[in-house]
Amino acid sequence: MRPILSLFVAWCLQLSLTFAQEASIKKVADQNPVVTRESDYVLKDFRFSDGGSSPELKLHYRTIGQPARNPATGEVQNAVLLIHGTTSTGKMFLTRSFQEAMFQPGQPLDSTKYYLILPDAIGLGGSSKPSDGLHDRFPHYGYKDMVVAEQRLVTEGLGIKHLRAVFGTSMGGMHAWLWGEQYPTLMDAIIPVACQPDKIAGRNLFWRRIITTAIRSDPQWNGGDYHQPPPSLARVYPVFQLMTSNAARLQKELTNVEQVNALLQNIAEFCQSGQIDANDLVHRLEASADYDPAPDLEKIQAAVLAINFADDELNPPELGSLDRAKQRVRNGQFVLIPGSGETDGHMTLLNASVYAPFVADFLAKLPAAP
């Protein structure tokens, strides 16, 4: 059973960051002394791209480090935005391993050098989401809406006119590509990790639709107003585990039917525990429908460092999207990290030490902030 528990615990690491209760500012500061501020920014009368609106849209965020200002203009020069993935929150960047690899003195995003901003995206964590009460009546947001909200947090909420970099993992990496296109002069660099600069299609779209269609067609879905987690959630959620793991790890950890059954039972208990909300999950998986940066890659003016993993089943390199992007991004570096004992498919994004040296080299070569 130990390998199964190990596999399940590792898989739940990212999920638990999403569904844990948000602590108070003081409690977070005590538990994570690196955090300098934790708060909410409320966007009034937020308009979604599909025509919907929200009178108040809340974005929860954390900051690390202190802003450094240009002596002549007073403008912040060292701000970096970090955007999390589909099943996590800004807290994913507060794990000890990520901090040690990225935030410690001398590391790529040294928190004594940079002012780091860690928002919870729309639909996740402490930000506005369907499970707050509207359920499936919550506005059907897309990635472009999420990026607009992040931009307003940075510029309106925090008063920052220019970012040193936008760093993102998985969904956050896709947001970084959109940031580069929607706000081409707002940052010096973008660093998308574990994603592709192309629309969600093929296998990536297929597995998302398997999950969302199964949940929406569940008799207990009740238009999103269910009283218990729809049973379909536990049946289809293992698809997410399958897509975010790598073949080598599953081959090693799941050697017989008993081990597979044990893992499925653990996932089912997790899904029925109330730690994951089906409305939230459906909305954020469907949000990727408007993601398609490929037509506008030439609009990106920022320097680009795109990092991917060869054993990532969500973003397999053989699709060729990265090769096509290389020809069109004017100032881009594309890194493909080979599969090894240190990688874990898509979830290698949690192991920042694997790719931190590439980030450090890239940032060191960026022209100095004006």
Protein backbone atom coordinates (compact mmCIF):
# COMPACT_ATOMS: atom_id res chain seq x y z
CA MET A 1 0.00 0.00 0.00
CA ARG A 2 2.90 2.43 0.57
CA PRO A 3 3.53 3.09 -3.14
CA ILE A 4 -0.18 3.76 -3.63
CA LEU A 5 -0.32 6.16 -0.72
CA SER A 6 2.82 7.85 -1.98
CA LEU A 7 1.33 8.26 -5.44
CA PHE A 8 -1.97 9.55 -4.08
CA VAL A 9 -0.32 11.98 -1.67
CA ALA A 10 1.83 13.41 -4.45
CA TRP A 11 -1.19 13.73 -6.71
CA CYS A 12 -3.20 15.45 -3.99
CA LEU A 13 -0.44 17.94 -3.21
CA GLN A 14 -1.51 20.32 -5.93
CA LEU A 15 -5.23 19.73 -5.27
CA SER A 16 -4.96 20.37 -1.56
CA LEU A 17 -3.53 23.80 -2.25
CA THR A 18 -6.79 24.70 -3.96
CA PHE A 19 -9.34 23.36 -1.52
CA ALA A 20 -7.80 24.14 1.88
CA GLN A 21 -9.50 26.94 3.79
CA GLU A 22 -7.90 30.33 3.32
CA ALA A 23 -6.20 31.47 6.53
CA SER A 24 -6.38 34.94 7.98
CA ILE A 25 -3.63 37.42 7.11
CA LYS A 26 -1.97 37.05 10.50
CA LYS A 27 -2.15 33.27 10.47
CA VAL A 28 -0.65 33.08 6.99
CA ALA A 29 2.09 35.49 7.96
CA ASP A 30 2.87 33.30 10.98
CA GLN A 31 2.87 30.07 8.97
CA ASN A 32 4.60 31.52 5.91
CA PRO A 33 6.89 34.31 7.09
CA VAL A 34 7.93 34.91 3.48
CA VAL A 35 4.45 36.34 2.74
CA THR A 36 4.46 40.10 3.26
CA ARG A 37 0.79 40.74 2.52
CA GLU A 38 -2.43 38.80 1.91
CA SER A 39 -5.61 40.57 0.89
CA ASP A 40 -8.51 40.84 -1.56
CA TYR A 41 -9.09 43.25 -4.41
CA VAL A 42 -12.68 43.76 -5.53
CA LEU A 43 -13.28 44.65 -9.17
CA LYS A 44 -16.51 46.58 -9.55
CA ASP A 45 -18.94 45.85 -12.41
CA PHE A 46 -16.66 43.32 -14.08
CA ARG A 47 -17.70 42.56 -17.67
CA PHE A 48 -17.03 39.10 -19.09
CA SER A 49 -16.23 38.50 -22.74
CA ASP A 50 -19.42 36.46 -23.26
CA GLY A 51 -21.55 39.45 -22.26
CA GLY A 52 -22.12 38.47 -18.63
CA SER A 53 -21.19 40.67 -15.71
CA SER A 54 -20.58 40.65 -11.99
CA PRO A 55 -21.21 43.70 -9.77
CA GLU A 56 -18.29 42.64 -7.59
CA LEU A 57 -15.56 40.19 -8.56
CA LYS A 58 -13.07 39.38 -5.81
CA LEU A 59 -9.46 38.46 -6.47
CA HIS A 60 -7.49 37.11 -3.54
CA TYR A 61 -3.73 37.61 -3.62
CA ARG A 62 -0.49 37.39 -1.68
CA THR A 63 2.74 39.30 -2.07
CA ILE A 64 6.31 38.39 -1.20
CA GLY A 65 9.16 40.86 -0.91
CA GLN A 66 9.03 44.62 -1.23
CA PRO A 67 8.56 46.92 -4.23
CA ALA A 68 11.67 48.74 -5.44
CA ARG A 69 10.92 52.08 -7.08
CA ASN A 70 12.66 54.13 -9.71
CA PRO A 71 14.09 57.13 -7.81
CA ALA A 72 13.12 59.51 -10.60
CA THR A 73 9.59 58.33 -11.40
CA GLY A 74 8.55 56.43 -8.29
CA GLU A 75 7.37 53.52 -10.43
CA VAL A 76 7.82 49.93 -9.22
CA GLN A 77 10.63 48.22 -11.15
CA ASN A 78 10.88 44.75 -9.68
CA ALA A 79 7.36 43.26 -9.74
CA VAL A 80 6.88 39.68 -10.95
CA LEU A 81 3.44 38.08 -11.33
CA LEU A 82 3.21 34.34 -10.63
CA ILE A 83 0.11 32.52 -11.91
CA HIS A 84 -0.84 29.02 -10.79
CA GLY A 85 -2.38 26.05 -12.59
CA THR A 86 -5.91 24.73 -13.07
CA THR A 87 -6.17 22.84 -9.78
CA SER A 88 -4.19 25.05 -7.42
CA THR A 89 -3.98 28.58 -6.06
CA GLY A 90 -1.24 31.09 -5.37
CA LYS A 91 -0.38 28.92 -2.36
CA MET A 92 1.25 26.38 -4.68
CA PHE A 93 4.26 28.69 -4.84
CA LEU A 94 4.58 28.64 -1.04
CA THR A 95 5.63 25.01 -0.76
CA ARG A 96 9.04 24.63 0.83
CA SER A 97 10.57 23.00 -2.24
CA PHE A 98 9.38 25.78 -4.57
CA GLN A 99 10.55 28.52 -2.20
CA GLU A 100 13.97 26.91 -1.79
CA ALA A 101 14.43 26.54 -5.54
CA MET A 102 13.05 29.91 -6.58
CA PHE A 103 12.66 32.47 -3.77
CA GLN A 104 15.70 32.02 -1.54
CA PRO A 105 18.57 34.53 -1.78
CA GLY A 106 20.54 33.88 -4.93
CA GLN A 107 17.74 31.89 -6.55
CA PRO A 108 15.98 33.00 -9.79
CA LEU A 109 13.10 34.89 -8.12
CA ASP A 110 15.03 35.97 -5.04
CA SER A 111 12.43 37.50 -2.73
CA THR A 112 14.99 40.02 -1.45
CA LYS A 113 15.32 41.28 -5.02
CA TYR A 114 11.84 40.92 -6.52
CA TYR A 115 8.34 41.98 -5.48
CA LEU A 116 6.33 38.80 -6.13
CA ILE A 117 2.56 38.84 -6.66
CA LEU A 118 0.63 35.57 -6.23
CA PRO A 119 -3.08 35.89 -7.09
CA ASP A 120 -5.76 33.22 -6.91
CA ALA A 121 -7.32 33.17 -10.38
CA ILE A 122 -11.05 33.61 -10.90
CA GLY A 123 -12.80 30.42 -9.84
CA LEU A 124 -10.18 29.24 -7.36
CA GLY A 125 -9.03 29.66 -3.78
CA GLY A 126 -10.07 32.88 -2.09
CA SER A 127 -11.24 34.53 -5.33
CA SER A 128 -14.84 34.61 -6.55
CA LYS A 129 -16.01 31.17 -7.69
CA PRO A 130 -19.20 29.18 -8.36
CA SER A 131 -19.16 27.44 -4.97
CA ASP A 132 -19.54 30.80 -3.23
CA GLY A 133 -23.28 30.46 -3.88
CA LEU A 134 -24.19 31.02 -7.53
CA HIS A 135 -23.20 27.46 -8.52
CA ASP A 136 -23.72 26.96 -12.27
CA ARG A 137 -25.24 30.45 -12.51
CA PHE A 138 -21.79 31.90 -11.91
CA PRO A 139 -20.59 33.75 -15.05
CA HIS A 140 -18.98 31.40 -17.55
CA TYR A 141 -15.57 33.01 -17.60
CA GLY A 142 -12.72 32.24 -19.99
CA TYR A 143 -8.96 32.52 -19.81
CA LYS A 144 -9.09 35.97 -21.39
CA ASP A 145 -11.42 37.16 -18.61
CA MET A 146 -9.04 35.72 -16.01
CA VAL A 147 -6.12 37.60 -17.55
CA VAL A 148 -8.09 40.87 -17.64
CA ALA A 149 -8.86 40.45 -13.93
CA GLU A 150 -5.20 39.75 -13.15
CA GLN A 151 -4.15 42.82 -15.12
CA ARG A 152 -6.60 45.00 -13.20
CA LEU A 153 -5.33 43.64 -9.89
CA VAL A 154 -1.77 44.55 -10.88
CA THR A 155 -2.45 47.98 -12.38
CA GLU A 156 -5.48 49.21 -10.43
CA GLY A 157 -5.25 47.27 -7.19
CA LEU A 158 -1.49 47.45 -6.69
CA GLY A 159 -0.75 50.53 -8.81
CA ILE A 160 1.98 48.82 -10.84
CA LYS A 161 2.46 50.12 -14.37
CA HIS A 162 5.06 47.63 -15.54
CA LEU A 163 6.08 44.08 -14.60
CA ARG A 164 9.55 42.67 -14.77
CA ALA A 165 8.09 39.28 -15.67
CA VAL A 166 4.96 37.14 -15.80
CA PHE A 167 5.68 33.56 -14.69
CA GLY A 168 3.05 30.83 -14.92
CA THR A 169 2.70 27.07 -14.66
CA SER A 170 0.19 24.99 -16.68
CA MET A 171 -2.93 27.17 -16.87
CA GLY A 172 -0.82 30.01 -15.48
CA GLY A 173 1.64 29.50 -18.31
CA MET A 174 -1.21 29.79 -20.80
CA HIS A 175 -2.19 33.01 -19.07
CA ALA A 176 1.40 34.20 -19.51
CA TRP A 177 1.14 33.70 -23.27
CA LEU A 178 -2.09 35.72 -23.28
CA TRP A 179 -0.51 38.44 -21.14
CA GLY A 180 2.22 38.77 -23.76
CA GLU A 181 -0.38 39.28 -26.48
CA GLN A 182 -3.06 41.28 -24.68
CA TYR A 183 -0.62 43.63 -22.90
CA PRO A 184 2.55 43.51 -25.01
CA THR A 185 4.25 46.51 -23.37
CA LEU A 186 3.28 45.75 -19.78
CA MET A 187 6.13 43.37 -18.99
CA ASP A 188 9.77 42.74 -19.87
CA ALA A 189 9.43 38.96 -20.01
CA ILE A 190 7.03 36.04 -19.88
CA ILE A 191 7.95 32.58 -18.58
CA PRO A 192 5.30 29.98 -19.44
CA VAL A 193 5.97 26.54 -17.92
CA ALA A 194 4.27 23.25 -18.89
CA CYS A 195 1.93 24.53 -21.59
CA GLN A 196 1.77 25.15 -25.33
CA PRO A 197 1.08 28.34 -27.30
CA ASP A 198 -1.81 26.76 -29.17
CA LYS A 199 -5.52 26.23 -28.62
CA ILE A 200 -6.86 23.44 -26.43
CA ALA A 201 -7.68 20.67 -28.90
CA GLY A 202 -7.23 16.96 -29.50
CA ARG A 203 -6.43 14.86 -26.45
CA ASN A 204 -6.21 17.89 -24.16
CA LEU A 205 -9.74 18.94 -25.12
CA PHE A 206 -11.01 15.36 -25.11
CA TRP A 207 -10.16 14.59 -21.49
CA ARG A 208 -11.60 17.91 -20.31
CA ARG A 209 -14.88 17.20 -22.09
CA ILE A 210 -15.02 13.65 -20.69
CA ILE A 211 -15.04 15.15 -17.18
CA THR A 212 -17.36 18.12 -17.76
CA THR A 213 -19.88 16.20 -19.88
CA ALA A 214 -20.08 13.35 -17.40
CA ILE A 215 -20.70 15.72 -14.48
CA ARG A 216 -23.24 17.87 -16.31
CA SER A 217 -25.20 14.80 -17.44
CA ASP A 218 -25.23 13.21 -13.98
CA PRO A 219 -28.85 12.87 -12.71
CA GLN A 220 -27.69 14.32 -9.39
CA TRP A 221 -26.11 17.39 -11.01
CA ASN A 222 -29.46 19.19 -10.66
CA GLY A 223 -28.37 22.18 -12.71
CA GLY A 224 -25.41 22.66 -10.39
CA ASP A 225 -27.62 22.82 -7.28
CA TYR A 226 -26.64 19.39 -5.95
CA HIS A 227 -26.63 18.64 -2.22
CA GLN A 228 -23.92 15.98 -2.37
CA PRO A 229 -21.02 15.70 -4.83
CA PRO A 230 -22.39 14.12 -8.04
CA PRO A 231 -21.26 10.45 -8.15
CA SER A 232 -19.85 10.99 -11.65
CA LEU A 233 -17.16 13.24 -10.18
CA ALA A 234 -15.41 10.30 -8.52
CA ARG A 235 -15.78 8.14 -11.63
CA VAL A 236 -14.24 10.57 -14.11
CA TYR A 237 -11.75 12.50 -12.00
CA PRO A 238 -9.09 9.76 -12.33
CA VAL A 239 -8.77 10.92 -15.96
CA PHE A 240 -7.05 14.02 -14.60
CA GLN A 241 -4.61 11.83 -12.65
CA LEU A 242 -3.92 9.80 -15.78
CA MET A 243 -3.16 12.85 -17.92
CA THR A 244 -0.94 14.65 -15.41
CA SER A 245 1.22 11.64 -14.50
CA ASN A 246 3.88 10.12 -16.73
CA ALA A 247 3.91 6.59 -18.07
CA ALA A 248 7.14 5.59 -16.30
CA ARG A 249 5.83 6.50 -12.88
CA LEU A 250 2.49 4.77 -13.35
CA GLN A 251 4.26 1.66 -14.66
CA LYS A 252 6.37 1.57 -11.51
CA GLU A 253 3.69 2.44 -8.96
CA LEU A 254 0.69 0.52 -10.34
CA THR A 255 1.83 -3.05 -10.91
CA ASN A 256 -1.43 -4.95 -10.29
CA VAL A 257 -5.21 -4.60 -10.12
CA GLU A 258 -5.20 -4.29 -6.34
CA GLN A 259 -2.98 -1.22 -6.44
CA VAL A 260 -5.10 0.41 -9.13
CA ASN A 261 -8.27 -0.30 -7.16
CA ALA A 262 -6.73 1.17 -4.03
CA LEU A 263 -5.80 4.37 -5.87
CA LEU A 264 -9.27 4.63 -7.40
CA GLN A 265 -10.82 4.20 -3.96
CA ASN A 266 -8.61 6.94 -2.52
CA ILE A 267 -9.59 9.29 -5.34
CA ALA A 268 -13.29 8.44 -4.88
CA GLU A 269 -13.10 9.20 -1.15
CA PHE A 270 -11.35 12.47 -1.90
CA CYS A 271 -14.02 13.50 -4.41
CA GLN A 272 -16.83 12.66 -1.98
CA SER A 273 -15.16 14.44 0.94
CA GLY A 274 -16.27 17.93 -0.03
CA GLN A 275 -12.72 19.14 -0.64
CA ILE A 276 -13.45 19.54 -4.34
CA ASP A 277 -16.54 21.26 -5.76
CA ALA A 278 -17.99 19.99 -9.04
CA ASN A 279 -19.28 23.43 -10.09
CA ASP A 280 -15.86 24.97 -9.59
CA LEU A 281 -14.19 22.14 -11.50
CA VAL A 282 -16.57 22.25 -14.47
CA HIS A 283 -16.28 26.01 -14.83
CA ARG A 284 -12.50 26.12 -14.73
CA LEU A 285 -12.11 23.24 -17.19
CA GLU A 286 -14.55 24.92 -19.57
CA ALA A 287 -12.74 28.25 -19.17
CA SER A 288 -9.95 27.04 -21.45
CA ALA A 289 -12.29 27.10 -24.48
CA ASP A 290 -11.21 30.61 -25.49
CA TYR A 291 -7.48 29.94 -25.21
CA ASP A 292 -5.77 30.23 -28.60
CA PRO A 293 -2.61 32.38 -28.64
CA ALA A 294 -1.28 30.93 -31.91
CA PRO A 295 -2.75 33.56 -34.30
CA ASP A 296 -1.20 36.50 -32.43
CA LEU A 297 2.27 35.32 -31.40
CA GLU A 298 3.88 38.12 -33.41
CA LYS A 299 2.25 40.64 -31.08
CA ILE A 300 4.48 39.55 -28.19
CA GLN A 301 7.19 42.13 -27.50
CA ALA A 302 8.45 40.69 -24.21
CA ALA A 303 11.34 38.25 -24.04
CA VAL A 304 10.01 34.69 -23.81
CA LEU A 305 11.31 31.65 -21.94
CA ALA A 306 9.03 28.66 -22.63
CA ILE A 307 9.81 25.56 -20.56
CA ASN A 308 8.24 22.17 -21.21
CA PHE A 309 8.83 18.55 -20.22
CA ALA A 310 9.26 15.77 -22.76
CA ASP A 311 7.18 13.31 -20.70
CA ASP A 312 4.23 15.69 -20.26
CA GLU A 313 1.17 13.86 -21.60
CA LEU A 314 -0.86 17.07 -21.56
CA ASN A 315 1.63 18.87 -23.78
CA PRO A 316 3.50 16.25 -25.84
CA PRO A 317 6.29 17.82 -27.91
CA GLU A 318 5.39 15.75 -30.96
CA LEU A 319 2.40 18.03 -31.56
CA GLY A 320 4.89 20.55 -32.94
CA SER A 321 3.30 23.71 -31.55
CA LEU A 322 6.54 24.79 -29.88
CA ASP A 323 8.51 24.27 -33.09
CA ARG A 324 6.01 26.43 -34.96
CA ALA A 325 6.12 29.11 -32.26
CA LYS A 326 9.91 29.31 -32.48
CA GLN A 327 9.59 30.66 -35.98
CA ARG A 328 7.23 33.44 -34.94
CA VAL A 329 8.25 34.65 -31.47
CA ARG A 330 10.77 37.42 -32.03
CA ASN A 331 12.73 37.04 -28.81
CA GLY A 332 12.13 33.55 -27.54
CA GLN A 333 13.97 30.70 -25.86
CA PHE A 334 12.35 27.26 -25.87
CA VAL A 335 13.54 24.62 -23.41
CA LEU A 336 12.41 20.99 -23.55
CA ILE A 337 13.58 19.06 -20.48
CA PRO A 338 14.06 15.32 -21.21
CA GLY A 339 12.23 12.74 -19.13
CA SER A 340 14.31 11.34 -16.29
CA GLY A 341 14.12 10.13 -12.73
CA GLU A 342 13.65 13.76 -11.67
CA THR A 343 10.68 14.45 -13.92
CA ASP A 344 7.06 13.47 -13.34
CA GLY A 345 5.21 14.36 -16.51
CA HIS A 346 3.09 17.47 -16.27
CA MET A 347 3.52 17.59 -12.50
CA THR A 348 7.25 18.28 -12.90
CA LEU A 349 6.09 21.89 -12.66
CA LEU A 350 5.98 21.38 -8.88
CA ASN A 351 9.66 20.40 -8.86
CA ALA A 352 11.07 23.85 -9.57
CA SER A 353 14.65 22.74 -9.00
CA VAL A 354 14.49 20.91 -12.35
CA TYR A 355 13.96 24.11 -14.33
CA ALA A 356 15.19 26.86 -11.97
CA PRO A 357 18.64 27.07 -13.66
CA PHE A 358 17.02 27.98 -16.98
CA VAL A 359 14.95 30.70 -15.30
CA ALA A 360 18.02 32.06 -13.52
CA ASP A 361 20.07 32.25 -16.74
CA PHE A 362 17.19 33.88 -18.64
CA LEU A 363 16.53 36.57 -16.04
CA ALA A 364 20.24 37.30 -15.61
CA LYS A 365 20.46 38.14 -19.31
CA LEU A 366 17.42 40.42 -19.41
CA PRO A 367 18.28 44.06 -20.04
CA ALA A 368 18.15 46.14 -16.88
CA ALA A 369 14.77 47.61 -15.98
CA PRO A 370 14.42 51.21 -17.21
